[in-house]
Amino acid sequence: PMHSKIRDEGQVSVYLSSGNIWIK
């Protein structure tokens, strides 16, 4: 929520699971 480039916009990172392999 405190991730910011310009203002306090926040960020959500998505990690897709393929069993024990993760893709961001």
PDB file of all heavy atoms in Angstrom:
ATOM      1  N   PRO A   1       0.782  -1.238   0.000  1.00  0.00           N
ATOM      2  CA  PRO A   1       0.000   0.000   0.000  1.00  0.00           C
ATOM      3  C   PRO A   1       0.812   1.286   0.000  1.00  0.00           C
ATOM      4  O   PRO A   1       0.310   2.323  -0.422  1.00  0.00           O
ATOM      5  CB  PRO A   1      -0.839  -0.109   1.274  1.00  0.00           C
ATOM      6  CG  PRO A   1      -0.069  -1.018   2.153  1.00  0.00           C
ATOM      7  CD  PRO A   1       0.597  -1.995   1.234  1.00  0.00           C
ATOM      8  N   MET A   2       2.066   1.222   0.419  1.00  0.00           N
ATOM      9  CA  MET A   2       2.885   2.429   0.465  1.00  0.00           C
ATOM     10  C   MET A   2       3.816   2.546  -0.742  1.00  0.00           C
ATOM     11  O   MET A   2       4.639   3.449  -0.799  1.00  0.00           O
ATOM     12  CB  MET A   2       3.699   2.458   1.762  1.00  0.00           C
ATOM     13  CG  MET A   2       2.853   2.336   3.010  1.00  0.00           C
ATOM     14  SD  MET A   2       1.568   3.573   3.122  1.00  0.00           S
ATOM     15  CE  MET A   2       2.492   4.892   3.841  1.00  0.00           C
ATOM     16  N   HIS A   3       3.679   1.639  -1.703  1.00  0.00           N
ATOM     17  CA  HIS A   3       4.491   1.707  -2.922  1.00  0.00           C
ATOM     18  C   HIS A   3       4.085   2.963  -3.679  1.00  0.00           C
ATOM     19  O   HIS A   3       2.910   3.231  -3.880  1.00  0.00           O
ATOM     20  CB  HIS A   3       4.245   0.469  -3.790  1.00  0.00           C
ATOM     21  CG  HIS A   3       5.157   0.383  -4.965  1.00  0.00           C
ATOM     22  ND1 HIS A   3       4.924   1.053  -6.135  1.00  0.00           N
ATOM     23  CD2 HIS A   3       6.329  -0.290  -5.138  1.00  0.00           C
ATOM     24  CE1 HIS A   3       5.890   0.794  -6.981  1.00  0.00           C
ATOM     25  NE2 HIS A   3       6.755  -0.017  -6.401  1.00  0.00           N
ATOM     26  N   SER A   4       5.074   3.736  -4.090  1.00  0.00           N
ATOM     27  CA  SER A   4       4.744   5.019  -4.679  1.00  0.00           C
ATOM     28  C   SER A   4       5.780   5.428  -5.706  1.00  0.00           C
ATOM     29  O   SER A   4       6.974   5.341  -5.471  1.00  0.00           O
ATOM     30  CB  SER A   4       4.668   6.076  -3.577  1.00  0.00           C
ATOM     31  OG  SER A   4       4.383   7.331  -4.119  1.00  0.00           O
ATOM     32  N   LYS A   5       5.311   5.902  -6.851  1.00  0.00           N
ATOM     33  CA  LYS A   5       6.200   6.483  -7.868  1.00  0.00           C
ATOM     34  C   LYS A   5       5.967   7.989  -7.939  1.00  0.00           C
ATOM     35  O   LYS A   5       6.894   8.757  -8.044  1.00  0.00           O
ATOM     36  CB  LYS A   5       5.941   5.843  -9.222  1.00  0.00           C
ATOM     37  CG  LYS A   5       6.250   4.367  -9.221  1.00  0.00           C
ATOM     38  CD  LYS A   5       7.109   4.001 -10.359  1.00  0.00           C
ATOM     39  CE  LYS A   5       7.257   2.501 -10.342  1.00  0.00           C
ATOM     40  NZ  LYS A   5       8.522   2.027 -10.637  1.00  0.00           N
ATOM     41  N   ILE A   6       4.688   8.389  -7.915  1.00  0.00           N
ATOM     42  CA  ILE A   6       4.351   9.813  -7.991  1.00  0.00           C
ATOM     43  C   ILE A   6       3.733  10.275  -6.677  1.00  0.00           C
ATOM     44  O   ILE A   6       4.188  11.198  -6.048  1.00  0.00           O
ATOM     45  CB  ILE A   6       3.374  10.082  -9.157  1.00  0.00           C
ATOM     46  CG1 ILE A   6       4.035   9.675 -10.474  1.00  0.00           C
ATOM     47  CG2 ILE A   6       2.947  11.536  -9.176  1.00  0.00           C
ATOM     48  CD1 ILE A   6       3.100   9.669 -11.647  1.00  0.00           C
ATOM     49  N   ARG A   7       2.672   9.589  -6.268  1.00  0.00           N
ATOM     50  CA  ARG A   7       1.997   9.863  -5.002  1.00  0.00           C
ATOM     51  C   ARG A   7       1.836   8.550  -4.270  1.00  0.00           C
ATOM     52  O   ARG A   7       2.488   7.574  -4.598  1.00  0.00           O
ATOM     53  CB  ARG A   7       0.641  10.513  -5.277  1.00  0.00           C
ATOM     54  CG  ARG A   7       0.762  11.894  -5.851  1.00  0.00           C
ATOM     55  CD  ARG A   7      -0.609  12.554  -5.969  1.00  0.00           C
ATOM     56  NE  ARG A   7      -0.536  13.671  -6.883  1.00  0.00           N
ATOM     57  CZ  ARG A   7      -0.775  13.602  -8.170  1.00  0.00           C
ATOM     58  NH1 ARG A   7      -1.150  12.487  -8.731  1.00  0.00           N
ATOM     59  NH2 ARG A   7      -0.672  14.669  -8.927  1.00  0.00           N
ATOM     60  N   ASP A   8       0.957   8.466  -3.330  1.00  0.00           N
ATOM     61  CA  ASP A   8       0.725   7.234  -2.571  1.00  0.00           C
ATOM     62  C   ASP A   8      -0.308   6.364  -3.260  1.00  0.00           C
ATOM     63  O   ASP A   8      -1.422   6.206  -2.788  1.00  0.00           O
ATOM     64  CB  ASP A   8       0.254   7.571  -1.147  1.00  0.00           C
ATOM     65  CG  ASP A   8       1.314   8.289  -0.360  1.00  0.00           C
ATOM     66  OD1 ASP A   8       2.503   8.067  -0.657  1.00  0.00           O
ATOM     67  OD2 ASP A   8       0.964   9.051   0.547  1.00  0.00           O
ATOM     68  N   GLU A   9       0.060   5.777  -4.397  1.00  0.00           N
ATOM     69  CA  GLU A   9      -0.916   4.994  -5.144  1.00  0.00           C
ATOM     70  C   GLU A   9      -0.972   3.530  -4.739  1.00  0.00           C
ATOM     71  O   GLU A   9      -1.957   2.858  -4.974  1.00  0.00           O
ATOM     72  CB  GLU A   9      -0.686   5.109  -6.659  1.00  0.00           C
ATOM     73  CG  GLU A   9       0.661   4.636  -7.132  1.00  0.00           C
ATOM     74  CD  GLU A   9       1.707   5.725  -7.234  1.00  0.00           C
ATOM     75  OE1 GLU A   9       1.471   6.855  -6.795  1.00  0.00           O
ATOM     76  OE2 GLU A   9       2.792   5.422  -7.744  1.00  0.00           O
ATOM     77  N   GLY A  10       0.085   2.963  -4.179  1.00  0.00           N
ATOM     78  CA  GLY A  10       0.091   1.561  -3.798  1.00  0.00           C
ATOM     79  C   GLY A  10       0.284   0.640  -4.992  1.00  0.00           C
ATOM     80  O   GLY A  10       0.300   1.078  -6.148  1.00  0.00           O
ATOM     81  N   GLN A  11       0.453  -0.659  -4.714  1.00  0.00           N
ATOM     82  CA  GLN A  11       0.670  -1.637  -5.784  1.00  0.00           C
ATOM     83  C   GLN A  11       0.201  -3.007  -5.342  1.00  0.00           C
ATOM     84  O   GLN A  11       0.294  -3.356  -4.174  1.00  0.00           O
ATOM     85  CB  GLN A  11       2.161  -1.700  -6.106  1.00  0.00           C
ATOM     86  CG  GLN A  11       2.543  -2.758  -7.121  1.00  0.00           C
ATOM     87  CD  GLN A  11       4.015  -2.734  -7.429  1.00  0.00           C
ATOM     88  OE1 GLN A  11       4.534  -1.741  -7.893  1.00  0.00           O
ATOM     89  NE2 GLN A  11       4.691  -3.818  -7.141  1.00  0.00           N
ATOM     90  N   VAL A  12      -0.300  -3.790  -6.294  1.00  0.00           N
ATOM     91  CA  VAL A  12      -0.627  -5.191  -6.060  1.00  0.00           C
ATOM     92  C   VAL A  12       0.214  -6.015  -7.027  1.00  0.00           C
ATOM     93  O   VAL A  12       0.200  -5.770  -8.237  1.00  0.00           O
ATOM     94  CB  VAL A  12      -2.127  -5.481  -6.289  1.00  0.00           C
ATOM     95  CG1 VAL A  12      -2.400  -6.971  -6.172  1.00  0.00           C
ATOM     96  CG2 VAL A  12      -2.978  -4.702  -5.301  1.00  0.00           C
ATOM     97  N   SER A  13       0.975  -6.966  -6.498  1.00  0.00           N
ATOM     98  CA  SER A  13       1.761  -7.882  -7.326  1.00  0.00           C
ATOM     99  C   SER A  13       0.995  -9.186  -7.441  1.00  0.00           C
ATOM    100  O   SER A  13       0.408  -9.661  -6.472  1.00  0.00           O
ATOM    101  CB  SER A  13       3.127  -8.144  -6.691  1.00  0.00           C
ATOM    102  OG  SER A  13       3.864  -6.952  -6.594  1.00  0.00           O
ATOM    103  N   VAL A  14       0.998  -9.766  -8.637  1.00  0.00           N
ATOM    104  CA  VAL A  14       0.280 -11.010  -8.907  1.00  0.00           C
ATOM    105  C   VAL A  14       1.301 -12.107  -9.168  1.00  0.00           C
ATOM    106  O   VAL A  14       2.181 -11.959 -10.020  1.00  0.00           O
ATOM    107  CB  VAL A  14      -0.650 -10.858 -10.131  1.00  0.00           C
ATOM    108  CG1 VAL A  14      -1.359 -12.168 -10.430  1.00  0.00           C
ATOM    109  CG2 VAL A  14      -1.654  -9.737  -9.903  1.00  0.00           C
ATOM    110  N   TYR A  15       1.187 -13.211  -8.423  1.00  0.00           N
ATOM    111  CA  TYR A  15       2.039 -14.379  -8.608  1.00  0.00           C
ATOM    112  C   TYR A  15       1.146 -15.550  -9.003  1.00  0.00           C
ATOM    113  O   TYR A  15       0.289 -15.967  -8.227  1.00  0.00           O
ATOM    114  CB  TYR A  15       2.802 -14.704  -7.318  1.00  0.00           C
ATOM    115  CG  TYR A  15       3.795 -13.642  -6.945  1.00  0.00           C
ATOM    116  CD1 TYR A  15       3.418 -12.549  -6.173  1.00  0.00           C
ATOM    117  CD2 TYR A  15       5.108 -13.722  -7.385  1.00  0.00           C
ATOM    118  CE1 TYR A  15       4.328 -11.562  -5.838  1.00  0.00           C
ATOM    119  CE2 TYR A  15       6.032 -12.742  -7.053  1.00  0.00           C
ATOM    120  CZ  TYR A  15       5.626 -11.665  -6.284  1.00  0.00           C
ATOM    121  OH  TYR A  15       6.535 -10.688  -5.949  1.00  0.00           O
ATOM    122  N   LEU A  16       1.339 -16.045 -10.224  1.00  0.00           N
ATOM    123  CA  LEU A  16       0.557 -17.171 -10.720  1.00  0.00           C
ATOM    124  C   LEU A  16       1.283 -18.473 -10.387  1.00  0.00           C
ATOM    125  O   LEU A  16       2.478 -18.605 -10.649  1.00  0.00           O
ATOM    126  CB  LEU A  16       0.352 -17.069 -12.228  1.00  0.00           C
ATOM    127  CG  LEU A  16      -0.411 -15.837 -12.715  1.00  0.00           C
ATOM    128  CD1 LEU A  16      -0.441 -15.794 -14.233  1.00  0.00           C
ATOM    129  CD2 LEU A  16      -1.808 -15.805 -12.145  1.00  0.00           C
ATOM    130  N   SER A  17       0.562 -19.423  -9.824  1.00  0.00           N
ATOM    131  CA  SER A  17       1.143 -20.698  -9.433  1.00  0.00           C
ATOM    132  C   SER A  17       0.937 -21.742 -10.511  1.00  0.00           C
ATOM    133  O   SER A  17      -0.127 -21.854 -11.096  1.00  0.00           O
ATOM    134  CB  SER A  17       0.511 -21.192  -8.131  1.00  0.00           C
ATOM    135  OG  SER A  17       0.997 -22.473  -7.825  1.00  0.00           O
ATOM    136  N   SER A  18       1.994 -22.514 -10.755  1.00  0.00           N
ATOM    137  CA  SER A  18       1.914 -23.685 -11.625  1.00  0.00           C
ATOM    138  C   SER A  18       2.462 -24.869 -10.846  1.00  0.00           C
ATOM    139  O   SER A  18       3.394 -25.542 -11.264  1.00  0.00           O
ATOM    140  CB  SER A  18       2.737 -23.480 -12.895  1.00  0.00           C
ATOM    141  OG  SER A  18       2.232 -22.427 -13.643  1.00  0.00           O
ATOM    142  N   GLY A  19       1.942 -25.099  -9.662  1.00  0.00           N
ATOM    143  CA  GLY A  19       2.477 -26.121  -8.769  1.00  0.00           C
ATOM    144  C   GLY A  19       3.584 -25.500  -7.941  1.00  0.00           C
ATOM    145  O   GLY A  19       3.325 -24.626  -7.149  1.00  0.00           O
ATOM    146  N   ASN A  20       4.806 -25.908  -8.168  1.00  0.00           N
ATOM    147  CA  ASN A  20       5.934 -25.328  -7.426  1.00  0.00           C
ATOM    148  C   ASN A  20       6.704 -24.314  -8.259  1.00  0.00           C
ATOM    149  O   ASN A  20       7.809 -23.947  -7.909  1.00  0.00           O
ATOM    150  CB  ASN A  20       6.854 -26.434  -6.914  1.00  0.00           C
ATOM    151  CG  ASN A  20       6.211 -27.203  -5.791  1.00  0.00           C
ATOM    152  OD1 ASN A  20       5.509 -26.632  -4.974  1.00  0.00           O
ATOM    153  ND2 ASN A  20       6.431 -28.501  -5.754  1.00  0.00           N
ATOM    154  N   ILE A  21       6.125 -23.878  -9.374  1.00  0.00           N
ATOM    155  CA  ILE A  21       6.743 -22.853 -10.216  1.00  0.00           C
ATOM    156  C   ILE A  21       5.866 -21.612 -10.143  1.00  0.00           C
ATOM    157  O   ILE A  21       4.650 -21.684 -10.300  1.00  0.00           O
ATOM    158  CB  ILE A  21       6.868 -23.340 -11.677  1.00  0.00           C
ATOM    159  CG1 ILE A  21       7.728 -24.596 -11.732  1.00  0.00           C
ATOM    160  CG2 ILE A  21       7.420 -22.250 -12.575  1.00  0.00           C
ATOM    161  CD1 ILE A  21       7.710 -25.292 -13.064  1.00  0.00           C
ATOM    162  N   TRP A  22       6.505 -20.452  -9.929  1.00  0.00           N
ATOM    163  CA  TRP A  22       5.757 -19.201  -9.793  1.00  0.00           C
ATOM    164  C   TRP A  22       6.129 -18.240 -10.905  1.00  0.00           C
ATOM    165  O   TRP A  22       7.281 -18.120 -11.272  1.00  0.00           O
ATOM    166  CB  TRP A  22       6.049 -18.569  -8.426  1.00  0.00           C
ATOM    167  CG  TRP A  22       5.437 -19.341  -7.343  1.00  0.00           C
ATOM    168  CD1 TRP A  22       5.956 -20.419  -6.700  1.00  0.00           C
ATOM    169  CD2 TRP A  22       4.143 -19.150  -6.803  1.00  0.00           C
ATOM    170  NE1 TRP A  22       5.074 -20.901  -5.773  1.00  0.00           N
ATOM    171  CE2 TRP A  22       3.944 -20.138  -5.803  1.00  0.00           C
ATOM    172  CE3 TRP A  22       3.130 -18.243  -7.035  1.00  0.00           C
ATOM    173  CZ2 TRP A  22       2.780 -20.223  -5.070  1.00  0.00           C
ATOM    174  CZ3 TRP A  22       1.976 -18.323  -6.295  1.00  0.00           C
ATOM    175  CH2 TRP A  22       1.808 -19.321  -5.325  1.00  0.00           C
ATOM    176  N   ILE A  23       5.127 -17.554 -11.431  1.00  0.00           N
ATOM    177  CA  ILE A  23       5.324 -16.571 -12.472  1.00  0.00           C
ATOM    178  C   ILE A  23       4.798 -15.235 -11.954  1.00  0.00           C
ATOM    179  O   ILE A  23       3.658 -15.160 -11.506  1.00  0.00           O
ATOM    180  CB  ILE A  23       4.558 -16.953 -13.761  1.00  0.00           C
ATOM    181  CG1 ILE A  23       5.005 -18.324 -14.236  1.00  0.00           C
ATOM    182  CG2 ILE A  23       4.742 -15.907 -14.840  1.00  0.00           C
ATOM    183  CD1 ILE A  23       4.078 -18.951 -15.246  1.00  0.00           C
ATOM    184  N   LYS A  24       5.612 -14.220 -12.003  1.00  0.00           N
ATOM    185  CA  LYS A  24       5.172 -12.902 -11.543  1.00  0.00           C
ATOM    186  C   LYS A  24       4.669 -12.113 -12.723  1.00  0.00           C
ATOM    187  O   LYS A  24       5.166 -12.137 -13.784  1.00  0.00           O
ATOM    188  CB  LYS A  24       6.300 -12.150 -10.858  1.00  0.00           C
ATOM    189  CG  LYS A  24       5.835 -10.796 -10.380  1.00  0.00           C
ATOM    190  CD  LYS A  24       6.895 -10.084  -9.622  1.00  0.00           C
ATOM    191  CE  LYS A  24       6.332  -8.744  -9.187  1.00  0.00           C
ATOM    192  NZ  LYS A  24       7.265  -7.872  -8.601  1.00  0.00           N
TER     193      LYS A  24
END
